[in-house]
Amino acid sequence: MKYKLIGMDFDGTLLTDDKKVSKITEEKLKDLKEEGYKIVGVTARTLAGAKGNVPLEMFNYVIINNGVSIYDVERKTEDWLGYISQDEAKEIIEIIKSKSDQIDIISENNYYTLVKKKNSPLPFIIDIDKVEEVDETIARMNIFLKSCENVQQHYEELTEKFPNINCFIMQDSGSDYQWLIINPKGINKSETLKYLGEKLNISLDEMIFFGDGLNDLEAMQEVGMSVAMGNALAEVKKHANEVTDTNNNDGIAKFLSKTLI
């Protein structure tokens, strides 16, 4: 078979707008997994966040936190590719805090929230006043700015001052709002797919990837077949090999049924 690995973003891609996986799509992915394809979820969510909405048994692997780690579903083990030091997180926050509405410091399973108090009933969302309260390894950060009109300026500032991070601008389909994501240096969805492929002896050319948002672009530009969802941002559709139906209308299952015959 030409393609050996099928990867997909979660929110806006695999998940419908009500944060569910349709039965049609779930069964299609399970069938392909049985046929020998490697099915890989690729998400910005934490592992706990992924487990909360997605039946993980339909995957072989789940790449979480925008590529920071790979969860092996069968073995229930996790392979970390990098992290952000607490000192570096503290320096970033000192620069950007006054310009932000909310800052998330994200570990394997928890969201530690600065600036804006969320008072969430969810146990994995924890309000804090300073970075020192985080006693776990930091996977990545979200920075939600007071004004996204200045997002490019803040992106350039952080990129210049912190060479050991990977800062990028994020935007979901269905929204004009942009924010900043801070990953460890050299880590994104594309690089982690490549890393996993090398372990499995699968090249990027032998992969299909489905996406909808800006953090999917790097992976879509590298794989053999990139597929934008019908609801994807125009920029994502522009760089995709194909466009399928929307996340609410089984776009993944429809494309795979048509292509992998």
C-alpha atoms as a PDB file:
ATOM      1  CA  MET A   1       0.000   0.000   0.000  1.00  0.00           C
ATOM      2  CA  LYS A   2       1.224   3.498  -0.794  1.00  0.00           C
ATOM      3  CA  TYR A   3       0.214   4.984   2.553  1.00  0.00           C
ATOM      4  CA  LYS A   4       1.026   3.328   5.868  1.00  0.00           C
ATOM      5  CA  LEU A   5       0.199   5.954   8.501  1.00  0.00           C
ATOM      6  CA  ILE A   6      -2.932   8.093   8.886  1.00  0.00           C
ATOM      7  CA  GLY A   7      -2.585  11.105  11.178  1.00  0.00           C
ATOM      8  CA  MET A   8      -5.175  13.649  12.197  1.00  0.00           C
ATOM      9  CA  ASP A   9      -5.709  16.695  14.349  1.00  0.00           C
ATOM     10  CA  PHE A  10      -8.493  16.487  16.947  1.00  0.00           C
ATOM     11  CA  ASP A  11     -10.447  19.715  17.432  1.00  0.00           C
ATOM     12  CA  GLY A  12     -12.066  20.937  14.215  1.00  0.00           C
ATOM     13  CA  THR A  13     -10.848  17.829  12.366  1.00  0.00           C
ATOM     14  CA  LEU A  14     -11.587  14.471  14.004  1.00  0.00           C
ATOM     15  CA  LEU A  15     -13.996  15.920  16.561  1.00  0.00           C
ATOM     16  CA  THR A  16     -17.340  17.421  15.612  1.00  0.00           C
ATOM     17  CA  ASP A  17     -18.233  20.850  16.961  1.00  0.00           C
ATOM     18  CA  ASP A  18     -19.846  19.204  20.001  1.00  0.00           C
ATOM     19  CA  LYS A  19     -16.489  17.511  20.742  1.00  0.00           C
ATOM     20  CA  LYS A  20     -17.438  13.974  19.756  1.00  0.00           C
ATOM     21  CA  VAL A  21     -16.158  11.400  17.269  1.00  0.00           C
ATOM     22  CA  SER A  22     -18.934  10.196  14.982  1.00  0.00           C
ATOM     23  CA  LYS A  23     -19.621   6.457  14.881  1.00  0.00           C
ATOM     24  CA  ILE A  24     -18.960   6.380  11.126  1.00  0.00           C
ATOM     25  CA  THR A  25     -15.501   7.897  11.515  1.00  0.00           C
ATOM     26  CA  GLU A  26     -14.659   5.796  14.582  1.00  0.00           C
ATOM     27  CA  GLU A  27     -15.568   2.547  12.834  1.00  0.00           C
ATOM     28  CA  LYS A  28     -13.660   3.512   9.689  1.00  0.00           C
ATOM     29  CA  LEU A  29     -10.475   4.196  11.670  1.00  0.00           C
ATOM     30  CA  LYS A  30     -10.827   0.992  13.676  1.00  0.00           C
ATOM     31  CA  ASP A  31     -11.256  -1.003  10.460  1.00  0.00           C
ATOM     32  CA  LEU A  32      -8.132   0.567   8.919  1.00  0.00           C
ATOM     33  CA  LYS A  33      -6.176  -0.128  12.084  1.00  0.00           C
ATOM     34  CA  GLU A  34      -7.209  -3.777  11.815  1.00  0.00           C
ATOM     35  CA  GLU A  35      -5.999  -3.774   8.198  1.00  0.00           C
ATOM     36  CA  GLY A  36      -2.524  -2.712   9.354  1.00  0.00           C
ATOM     37  CA  TYR A  37      -2.496   1.048   8.939  1.00  0.00           C
ATOM     38  CA  LYS A  38      -0.957   3.014  11.810  1.00  0.00           C
ATOM     39  CA  ILE A  39      -3.630   5.413  13.114  1.00  0.00           C
ATOM     40  CA  VAL A  40      -2.164   8.426  14.895  1.00  0.00           C
ATOM     41  CA  GLY A  41      -3.967  11.238  16.707  1.00  0.00           C
ATOM     42  CA  VAL A  42      -2.030  14.515  16.639  1.00  0.00           C
ATOM     43  CA  THR A  43      -3.348  17.124  19.025  1.00  0.00           C
ATOM     44  CA  ALA A  44      -2.551  20.180  21.122  1.00  0.00           C
ATOM     45  CA  ARG A  45      -4.503  18.571  23.940  1.00  0.00           C
ATOM     46  CA  THR A  46      -2.944  17.018  27.019  1.00  0.00           C
ATOM     47  CA  LEU A  47      -3.212  13.265  27.469  1.00  0.00           C
ATOM     48  CA  ALA A  48      -6.060  13.728  29.947  1.00  0.00           C
ATOM     49  CA  GLY A  49      -7.804  16.084  27.526  1.00  0.00           C
ATOM     50  CA  ALA A  50      -7.481  13.567  24.719  1.00  0.00           C
ATOM     51  CA  LYS A  51      -8.868  10.757  26.862  1.00  0.00           C
ATOM     52  CA  GLY A  52     -11.799  12.948  27.848  1.00  0.00           C
ATOM     53  CA  ASN A  53     -13.298  13.153  24.345  1.00  0.00           C
ATOM     54  CA  VAL A  54     -11.769  10.451  22.194  1.00  0.00           C
ATOM     55  CA  PRO A  55     -11.867   6.616  22.390  1.00  0.00           C
ATOM     56  CA  LEU A  56      -8.102   6.145  22.291  1.00  0.00           C
ATOM     57  CA  GLU A  57      -8.346   2.460  21.406  1.00  0.00           C
ATOM     58  CA  MET A  58      -8.921   3.419  17.768  1.00  0.00           C
ATOM     59  CA  PHE A  59      -5.328   4.754  17.646  1.00  0.00           C
ATOM     60  CA  ASN A  60      -1.920   3.119  17.700  1.00  0.00           C
ATOM     61  CA  TYR A  61      -0.317   6.331  18.975  1.00  0.00           C
ATOM     62  CA  VAL A  62      -1.402   9.788  20.105  1.00  0.00           C
ATOM     63  CA  ILE A  63       0.950  12.737  19.690  1.00  0.00           C
ATOM     64  CA  ILE A  64      -0.024  15.210  22.398  1.00  0.00           C
ATOM     65  CA  ASN A  65       0.765  18.784  23.439  1.00  0.00           C
ATOM     66  CA  ASN A  66       1.521  19.884  19.855  1.00  0.00           C
ATOM     67  CA  GLY A  67       4.215  17.259  19.414  1.00  0.00           C
ATOM     68  CA  VAL A  68       5.917  17.351  22.800  1.00  0.00           C
ATOM     69  CA  SER A  69       5.281  13.670  23.533  1.00  0.00           C
ATOM     70  CA  ILE A  70       4.009  10.434  21.972  1.00  0.00           C
ATOM     71  CA  TYR A  71       1.618   8.154  23.831  1.00  0.00           C
ATOM     72  CA  ASP A  72       1.746   4.466  22.868  1.00  0.00           C
ATOM     73  CA  VAL A  73      -1.874   3.363  23.278  1.00  0.00           C
ATOM     74  CA  GLU A  74      -1.209  -0.378  23.528  1.00  0.00           C
ATOM     75  CA  ARG A  75       1.724  -0.169  25.928  1.00  0.00           C
ATOM     76  CA  LYS A  76       0.341   2.869  27.797  1.00  0.00           C
ATOM     77  CA  THR A  77       3.796   4.476  27.748  1.00  0.00           C
ATOM     78  CA  GLU A  78       4.834   8.013  26.846  1.00  0.00           C
ATOM     79  CA  ASP A  79       7.947   9.252  25.032  1.00  0.00           C
ATOM     80  CA  TRP A  80       8.846  12.905  25.695  1.00  0.00           C
ATOM     81  CA  LEU A  81      10.813  14.787  23.041  1.00  0.00           C
ATOM     82  CA  GLY A  82      11.503  17.974  25.030  1.00  0.00           C
ATOM     83  CA  TYR A  83      10.342  20.383  27.697  1.00  0.00           C
ATOM     84  CA  ILE A  84      10.473  24.060  28.729  1.00  0.00           C
ATOM     85  CA  SER A  85      12.514  24.853  31.832  1.00  0.00           C
ATOM     86  CA  GLN A  86      10.809  26.594  34.715  1.00  0.00           C
ATOM     87  CA  ASP A  87      13.369  29.434  34.535  1.00  0.00           C
ATOM     88  CA  GLU A  88      12.636  30.011  30.858  1.00  0.00           C
ATOM     89  CA  ALA A  89       8.887  29.959  31.471  1.00  0.00           C
ATOM     90  CA  LYS A  90       9.359  32.538  34.217  1.00  0.00           C
ATOM     91  CA  GLU A  91      11.360  34.846  31.915  1.00  0.00           C
ATOM     92  CA  ILE A  92       8.771  34.580  29.135  1.00  0.00           C
ATOM     93  CA  ILE A  93       5.971  35.426  31.557  1.00  0.00           C
ATOM     94  CA  GLU A  94       7.830  38.450  32.906  1.00  0.00           C
ATOM     95  CA  ILE A  95       7.981  39.870  29.375  1.00  0.00           C
ATOM     96  CA  ILE A  96       4.474  39.040  28.179  1.00  0.00           C
ATOM     97  CA  LYS A  97       2.273  38.965  31.307  1.00  0.00           C
ATOM     98  CA  SER A  98       1.187  42.630  31.179  1.00  0.00           C
ATOM     99  CA  LYS A  99       0.048  42.172  27.563  1.00  0.00           C
ATOM    100  CA  SER A 100      -1.877  38.964  28.226  1.00  0.00           C
ATOM    101  CA  ASP A 101      -5.394  38.082  29.307  1.00  0.00           C
ATOM    102  CA  GLN A 102      -4.462  34.511  30.162  1.00  0.00           C
ATOM    103  CA  ILE A 103      -1.342  32.333  30.197  1.00  0.00           C
ATOM    104  CA  ASP A 104      -1.490  28.552  30.393  1.00  0.00           C
ATOM    105  CA  ILE A 105       1.487  26.526  31.585  1.00  0.00           C
ATOM    106  CA  ILE A 106       0.816  22.975  30.472  1.00  0.00           C
ATOM    107  CA  SER A 107       2.212  19.725  31.833  1.00  0.00           C
ATOM    108  CA  GLU A 108       1.443  16.164  30.731  1.00  0.00           C
ATOM    109  CA  ASN A 109      -2.124  16.366  32.053  1.00  0.00           C
ATOM    110  CA  ASN A 110      -2.675  19.729  33.743  1.00  0.00           C
ATOM    111  CA  TYR A 111      -3.305  23.331  32.731  1.00  0.00           C
ATOM    112  CA  TYR A 112      -1.857  25.846  35.209  1.00  0.00           C
ATOM    113  CA  THR A 113      -3.530  29.204  34.560  1.00  0.00           C
ATOM    114  CA  LEU A 114      -1.973  32.615  35.255  1.00  0.00           C
ATOM    115  CA  VAL A 115      -3.381  36.172  35.046  1.00  0.00           C
ATOM    116  CA  LYS A 116      -7.049  35.265  34.612  1.00  0.00           C
ATOM    117  CA  LYS A 117      -8.558  33.108  37.333  1.00  0.00           C
ATOM    118  CA  LYS A 118     -10.761  30.419  35.809  1.00  0.00           C
ATOM    119  CA  ASN A 119     -12.119  28.906  39.039  1.00  0.00           C
ATOM    120  CA  SER A 120     -12.782  25.762  37.030  1.00  0.00           C
ATOM    121  CA  PRO A 121     -14.475  22.719  38.588  1.00  0.00           C
ATOM    122  CA  LEU A 122     -12.241  20.533  36.421  1.00  0.00           C
ATOM    123  CA  PRO A 123      -9.376  19.094  38.489  1.00  0.00           C
ATOM    124  CA  PHE A 124      -6.793  19.490  35.696  1.00  0.00           C
ATOM    125  CA  ILE A 125      -7.302  23.275  35.385  1.00  0.00           C
ATOM    126  CA  ILE A 126      -5.405  24.874  38.265  1.00  0.00           C
ATOM    127  CA  ASP A 127      -5.207  28.615  39.008  1.00  0.00           C
ATOM    128  CA  ILE A 128      -1.767  29.796  40.115  1.00  0.00           C
ATOM    129  CA  ASP A 129      -0.083  33.121  40.934  1.00  0.00           C
ATOM    130  CA  LYS A 130       3.490  32.269  39.925  1.00  0.00           C
ATOM    131  CA  VAL A 131       5.441  29.709  37.921  1.00  0.00           C
ATOM    132  CA  GLU A 132       7.090  28.278  41.016  1.00  0.00           C
ATOM    133  CA  GLU A 133       3.757  26.657  41.928  1.00  0.00           C
ATOM    134  CA  VAL A 134       4.162  24.279  38.965  1.00  0.00           C
ATOM    135  CA  ASP A 135       5.936  21.193  40.309  1.00  0.00           C
ATOM    136  CA  GLU A 136       5.741  19.172  37.070  1.00  0.00           C
ATOM    137  CA  THR A 137       7.709  19.156  33.826  1.00  0.00           C
ATOM    138  CA  ILE A 138       6.450  21.941  31.552  1.00  0.00           C
ATOM    139  CA  ALA A 139       5.464  20.684  28.117  1.00  0.00           C
ATOM    140  CA  ARG A 140       4.361  23.966  26.515  1.00  0.00           C
ATOM    141  CA  MET A 141       2.564  27.274  27.062  1.00  0.00           C
ATOM    142  CA  ASN A 142      -0.418  29.170  25.637  1.00  0.00           C
ATOM    143  CA  ILE A 143      -0.376  32.978  25.614  1.00  0.00           C
ATOM    144  CA  PHE A 144      -3.735  34.668  25.026  1.00  0.00           C
ATOM    145  CA  LEU A 145      -3.089  38.339  24.316  1.00  0.00           C
ATOM    146  CA  LYS A 146      -5.236  41.324  25.249  1.00  0.00           C
ATOM    147  CA  SER A 147      -5.121  42.338  21.597  1.00  0.00           C
ATOM    148  CA  CYS A 148      -4.401  39.842  18.843  1.00  0.00           C
ATOM    149  CA  GLU A 149      -3.659  42.788  16.534  1.00  0.00           C
ATOM    150  CA  ASN A 150      -0.130  42.716  17.986  1.00  0.00           C
ATOM    151  CA  VAL A 151       0.343  38.957  17.784  1.00  0.00           C
ATOM    152  CA  GLN A 152       3.003  39.161  15.047  1.00  0.00           C
ATOM    153  CA  GLN A 153       5.016  41.729  17.025  1.00  0.00           C
ATOM    154  CA  HIS A 154       4.957  39.605  20.191  1.00  0.00           C
ATOM    155  CA  TYR A 155       5.814  36.477  18.203  1.00  0.00           C
ATOM    156  CA  GLU A 156       8.905  38.185  16.755  1.00  0.00           C
ATOM    157  CA  GLU A 157       9.949  39.536  20.170  1.00  0.00           C
ATOM    158  CA  LEU A 158       9.771  36.152  21.891  1.00  0.00           C
ATOM    159  CA  THR A 159      11.437  34.341  18.987  1.00  0.00           C
ATOM    160  CA  GLU A 160      14.366  36.764  19.080  1.00  0.00           C
ATOM    161  CA  LYS A 161      14.827  36.718  22.865  1.00  0.00           C
ATOM    162  CA  PHE A 162      14.388  32.980  23.441  1.00  0.00           C
ATOM    163  CA  PRO A 163      16.330  30.837  20.930  1.00  0.00           C
ATOM    164  CA  ASN A 164      15.575  27.662  22.891  1.00  0.00           C
ATOM    165  CA  ILE A 165      11.831  27.730  22.235  1.00  0.00           C
ATOM    166  CA  ASN A 166       9.564  27.240  19.242  1.00  0.00           C
ATOM    167  CA  CYS A 167       7.026  30.075  19.263  1.00  0.00           C
ATOM    168  CA  PHE A 168       4.247  30.093  16.685  1.00  0.00           C
ATOM    169  CA  ILE A 169       0.950  31.815  15.996  1.00  0.00           C
ATOM    170  CA  MET A 170      -2.159  29.682  16.437  1.00  0.00           C
ATOM    171  CA  GLN A 171      -5.656  30.090  14.997  1.00  0.00           C
ATOM    172  CA  ASP A 172      -8.489  27.572  14.975  1.00  0.00           C
ATOM    173  CA  SER A 173     -10.927  27.172  12.121  1.00  0.00           C
ATOM    174  CA  GLY A 174     -14.192  29.009  12.788  1.00  0.00           C
ATOM    175  CA  SER A 175     -12.504  31.897  14.624  1.00  0.00           C
ATOM    176  CA  ASP A 176     -10.535  35.037  13.782  1.00  0.00           C
ATOM    177  CA  TYR A 177      -8.729  35.049  17.139  1.00  0.00           C
ATOM    178  CA  GLN A 178      -5.006  34.322  17.147  1.00  0.00           C
ATOM    179  CA  TRP A 179      -2.745  33.518  20.079  1.00  0.00           C
ATOM    180  CA  LEU A 180       0.796  32.304  20.745  1.00  0.00           C
ATOM    181  CA  ILE A 181       1.938  28.796  21.525  1.00  0.00           C
ATOM    182  CA  ILE A 182       5.348  28.150  23.064  1.00  0.00           C
ATOM    183  CA  ASN A 183       6.827  24.718  22.402  1.00  0.00           C
ATOM    184  CA  PRO A 184      10.291  23.386  23.220  1.00  0.00           C
ATOM    185  CA  LYS A 185      12.822  24.164  20.495  1.00  0.00           C
ATOM    186  CA  GLY A 186      12.484  22.117  17.318  1.00  0.00           C
ATOM    187  CA  ILE A 187       9.225  20.472  18.364  1.00  0.00           C
ATOM    188  CA  ASN A 188       5.973  20.663  16.403  1.00  0.00           C
ATOM    189  CA  LYS A 189       3.471  18.205  14.947  1.00  0.00           C
ATOM    190  CA  SER A 190       5.572  17.692  11.812  1.00  0.00           C
ATOM    191  CA  GLU A 191       8.847  16.906  13.584  1.00  0.00           C
ATOM    192  CA  THR A 192       7.170  14.454  15.951  1.00  0.00           C
ATOM    193  CA  LEU A 193       5.414  12.674  13.086  1.00  0.00           C
ATOM    194  CA  LYS A 194       8.803  12.372  11.405  1.00  0.00           C
ATOM    195  CA  TYR A 195      10.355  11.020  14.629  1.00  0.00           C
ATOM    196  CA  LEU A 196       7.569   8.455  15.039  1.00  0.00           C
ATOM    197  CA  GLY A 197       7.827   7.479  11.376  1.00  0.00           C
ATOM    198  CA  GLU A 198      11.541   6.783  11.744  1.00  0.00           C
ATOM    199  CA  LYS A 199      10.823   4.455  14.672  1.00  0.00           C
ATOM    200  CA  LEU A 200       8.183   2.632  12.598  1.00  0.00           C
ATOM    201  CA  ASN A 201      10.196   2.680   9.342  1.00  0.00           C
ATOM    202  CA  ILE A 202       7.532   4.853   7.702  1.00  0.00           C
ATOM    203  CA  SER A 203       8.552   7.909   5.680  1.00  0.00           C
ATOM    204  CA  LEU A 204       6.648  11.197   5.630  1.00  0.00           C
ATOM    205  CA  ASP A 205       5.734  10.423   2.016  1.00  0.00           C
ATOM    206  CA  GLU A 206       3.853   7.362   3.262  1.00  0.00           C
ATOM    207  CA  MET A 207       1.643   9.417   5.579  1.00  0.00           C
ATOM    208  CA  ILE A 208      -1.788  11.030   5.207  1.00  0.00           C
ATOM    209  CA  PHE A 209      -2.547  13.957   7.509  1.00  0.00           C
ATOM    210  CA  PHE A 210      -5.876  15.716   8.150  1.00  0.00           C
ATOM    211  CA  GLY A 211      -6.013  19.228   9.650  1.00  0.00           C
ATOM    212  CA  ASP A 212      -7.893  22.487   9.955  1.00  0.00           C
ATOM    213  CA  GLY A 213      -5.832  25.036  11.924  1.00  0.00           C
ATOM    214  CA  LEU A 214      -2.526  26.894  11.708  1.00  0.00           C
ATOM    215  CA  ASN A 215      -0.670  24.439  13.936  1.00  0.00           C
ATOM    216  CA  ASP A 216      -1.405  21.735  11.340  1.00  0.00           C
ATOM    217  CA  LEU A 217       0.349  23.523   8.478  1.00  0.00           C
ATOM    218  CA  GLU A 218       3.891  22.280   9.071  1.00  0.00           C
ATOM    219  CA  ALA A 219       2.765  18.654   9.094  1.00  0.00           C
ATOM    220  CA  MET A 220       0.562  19.159   6.044  1.00  0.00           C
ATOM    221  CA  GLN A 221       3.451  20.599   4.063  1.00  0.00           C
ATOM    222  CA  GLU A 222       5.663  17.569   4.805  1.00  0.00           C
ATOM    223  CA  VAL A 223       3.493  14.474   4.409  1.00  0.00           C
ATOM    224  CA  GLY A 224       2.727  12.581   1.210  1.00  0.00           C
ATOM    225  CA  MET A 225      -0.984  13.438   1.286  1.00  0.00           C
ATOM    226  CA  SER A 226      -2.306  16.469   3.158  1.00  0.00           C
ATOM    227  CA  VAL A 227      -6.064  16.842   3.501  1.00  0.00           C
ATOM    228  CA  ALA A 228      -7.812  19.989   4.733  1.00  0.00           C
ATOM    229  CA  MET A 229     -11.218  19.693   6.295  1.00  0.00           C
ATOM    230  CA  GLY A 230     -14.088  21.531   4.615  1.00  0.00           C
ATOM    231  CA  ASN A 231     -14.241  23.829   7.645  1.00  0.00           C
ATOM    232  CA  ALA A 232     -10.468  24.508   7.647  1.00  0.00           C
ATOM    233  CA  LEU A 233      -8.938  27.970   7.477  1.00  0.00           C
ATOM    234  CA  ALA A 234      -8.361  29.269   3.953  1.00  0.00           C
ATOM    235  CA  GLU A 235      -4.597  29.232   4.573  1.00  0.00           C
ATOM    236  CA  VAL A 236      -4.750  25.528   5.433  1.00  0.00           C
ATOM    237  CA  LYS A 237      -6.817  24.665   2.355  1.00  0.00           C
ATOM    238  CA  LYS A 238      -4.338  26.600   0.225  1.00  0.00           C
ATOM    239  CA  HIS A 239      -1.463  24.321   1.270  1.00  0.00           C
ATOM    240  CA  ALA A 240      -3.375  21.027   1.210  1.00  0.00           C
ATOM    241  CA  ASN A 241      -3.247  18.415  -1.549  1.00  0.00           C
ATOM    242  CA  GLU A 242      -6.967  17.744  -1.117  1.00  0.00           C
ATOM    243  CA  VAL A 243     -10.011  19.187   0.644  1.00  0.00           C
ATOM    244  CA  THR A 244     -12.627  16.870   2.150  1.00  0.00           C
ATOM    245  CA  ASP A 245     -15.992  17.380   3.841  1.00  0.00           C
ATOM    246  CA  THR A 246     -16.296  19.118   7.215  1.00  0.00           C
ATOM    247  CA  ASN A 247     -15.582  17.795  10.697  1.00  0.00           C
ATOM    248  CA  ASN A 248     -19.346  17.661  11.309  1.00  0.00           C
ATOM    249  CA  ASN A 249     -19.967  15.602   8.179  1.00  0.00           C
ATOM    250  CA  ASP A 250     -17.477  12.711   8.433  1.00  0.00           C
ATOM    251  CA  GLY A 251     -14.834  14.353   6.258  1.00  0.00           C
ATOM    252  CA  ILE A 252     -12.095  11.975   7.399  1.00  0.00           C
ATOM    253  CA  ALA A 253     -14.126   8.794   6.831  1.00  0.00           C
ATOM    254  CA  LYS A 254     -15.365   9.976   3.437  1.00  0.00           C
ATOM    255  CA  PHE A 255     -11.859  10.740   2.176  1.00  0.00           C
ATOM    256  CA  LEU A 256     -10.385   7.479   3.446  1.00  0.00           C
ATOM    257  CA  SER A 257     -13.236   5.419   1.971  1.00  0.00           C
ATOM    258  CA  LYS A 258     -12.624   7.069  -1.408  1.00  0.00           C
ATOM    259  CA  THR A 259      -8.820   6.920  -1.315  1.00  0.00           C
ATOM    260  CA  LEU A 260      -7.842   3.670   0.413  1.00  0.00           C
ATOM    261  CA  ILE A 261      -9.605   1.120  -1.761  1.00  0.00           C
END
